[in-house]
């Protein structure tokens, strides 16, 4: 999934830190032209040596000492990159200044000023200079923020706001507690790490490598409207988004189960999945209506009989009608949407979770962003979001991850059948910062990421794949 990062020019800010250093190594191993910057020359040299050792071409990164709080340093950094490579494709901002004091400390304002200088003002200053070459290359920005923690959260929240204001392929993600060397050296490290391991749903602390893998995914084309699974059960995979998801899993070597109500469509998708499988795996086809309990049981039973395990469940079965609160058939349509969009998903989770606990598997629920007029789809998808969060909390300690994708306007077969399709598409395109509606392949890549080991420390997340329309 990350092959497109080869030969990309990638700037890693804060590469003398643990997370920045590991991130630089990962991009180097993927064949990127890496530029590393930081304030500690010894640590930067160590990172450069490690990057060279994993680079397929044994290339040493361009190393530039830089204090991002100094404007001339930031200008010199961008100028040297353009002089050396002629372009810039990705900026990864790992620069940090973490402090764990509280509001009553005597030095709280000086610590606040230091954090804002590095994490906020330095970020704005660098991005102002980097955006022209990034716009030219249609590149990406990945800012690393954090979850709420005392003292360091205010500047990180402002980084989130920067991400919302830049009309670009720009991501900001918030890791929880990370077991870095600097973290382990703190006086209360043992107590803090122990508390986090006991209270986090996945019952572990993340590593810099897991953060680096997430950064690489966000910087790649795989997250453009932003494998490792053995067996996928796809509920609702005979057309549209579900079809794209099951085909991508098959292409990556997964054993897949194709489900839908249209026997002809199921047969076609099965043949196409088999044709792209690198191991010539033949998918299991199960035709039927998942609103019927016996059908749901049959789907799970046949999967276990055939493959003896389940690693991934994708809940995609859904109907999506333009229903409004004053329509005469509003309650009849509510029952229809409830039965397939949420009740069937709950029942499949109920039936598959014993097997997912055994395999330490994962669930990916295909949800949606809110939109006017589509009352019942939005109501039921909101329920699916809450189901995702509740199951993530309950089953994280048992090794099962549960996430959802909030799908934006997507050029699926269902969307194309809307009577005012062209008008809707033009309206959405004008509002979406990335300038197009989504493709089914965009959603499929997100599902594969969430189901893979690259997302091993992500659970309870609602991943919007909407081209940025929620920010507009």
Foldseek 3Di string as FASTA:
>chain_A
DLLQLAQAEEEQEPCLFFLSLLLLLVSQLSRYQYEYEEADVVSQVVSQCSSLVNHPVSDGHHYAYADLLDLVRLLVSLVVSCVVRVAHAEYEYPWADDDQDAPPDPCLVVSLVVGCSTLPVSVVSNCVNRVVRNVVNLHEYEYEAAPDGHSRRPSSVVVVVVQLPDLGLYYYDHFYAEPTPVLCPDPCSVVVQCVCLVQALLSHHHYSNLVSLVVSCSRGCLCVLYAAFAEEEEEAQLFWLNLLQLLVHLLVAHAYEDEEADPVSQVVSQVSSLVNHPVSHGHHYQHDDLLDLVSLLVSVVVCCVVPVAHAEYEQDFFDFDQADPPDPCRVVVLVVRLSRLAVSVVSNCVNRVVRNLVVLHEYEYEAADDDPRRPNSNVSSVVVLVVQQVCSNVCSNSNYAGEYEHEAFEPTPNLVPPPCNVVVQVVLLVQQSQRGFHYSSSVSSVVNCCRHCSVSPDHSYHRYSGNSNVSD
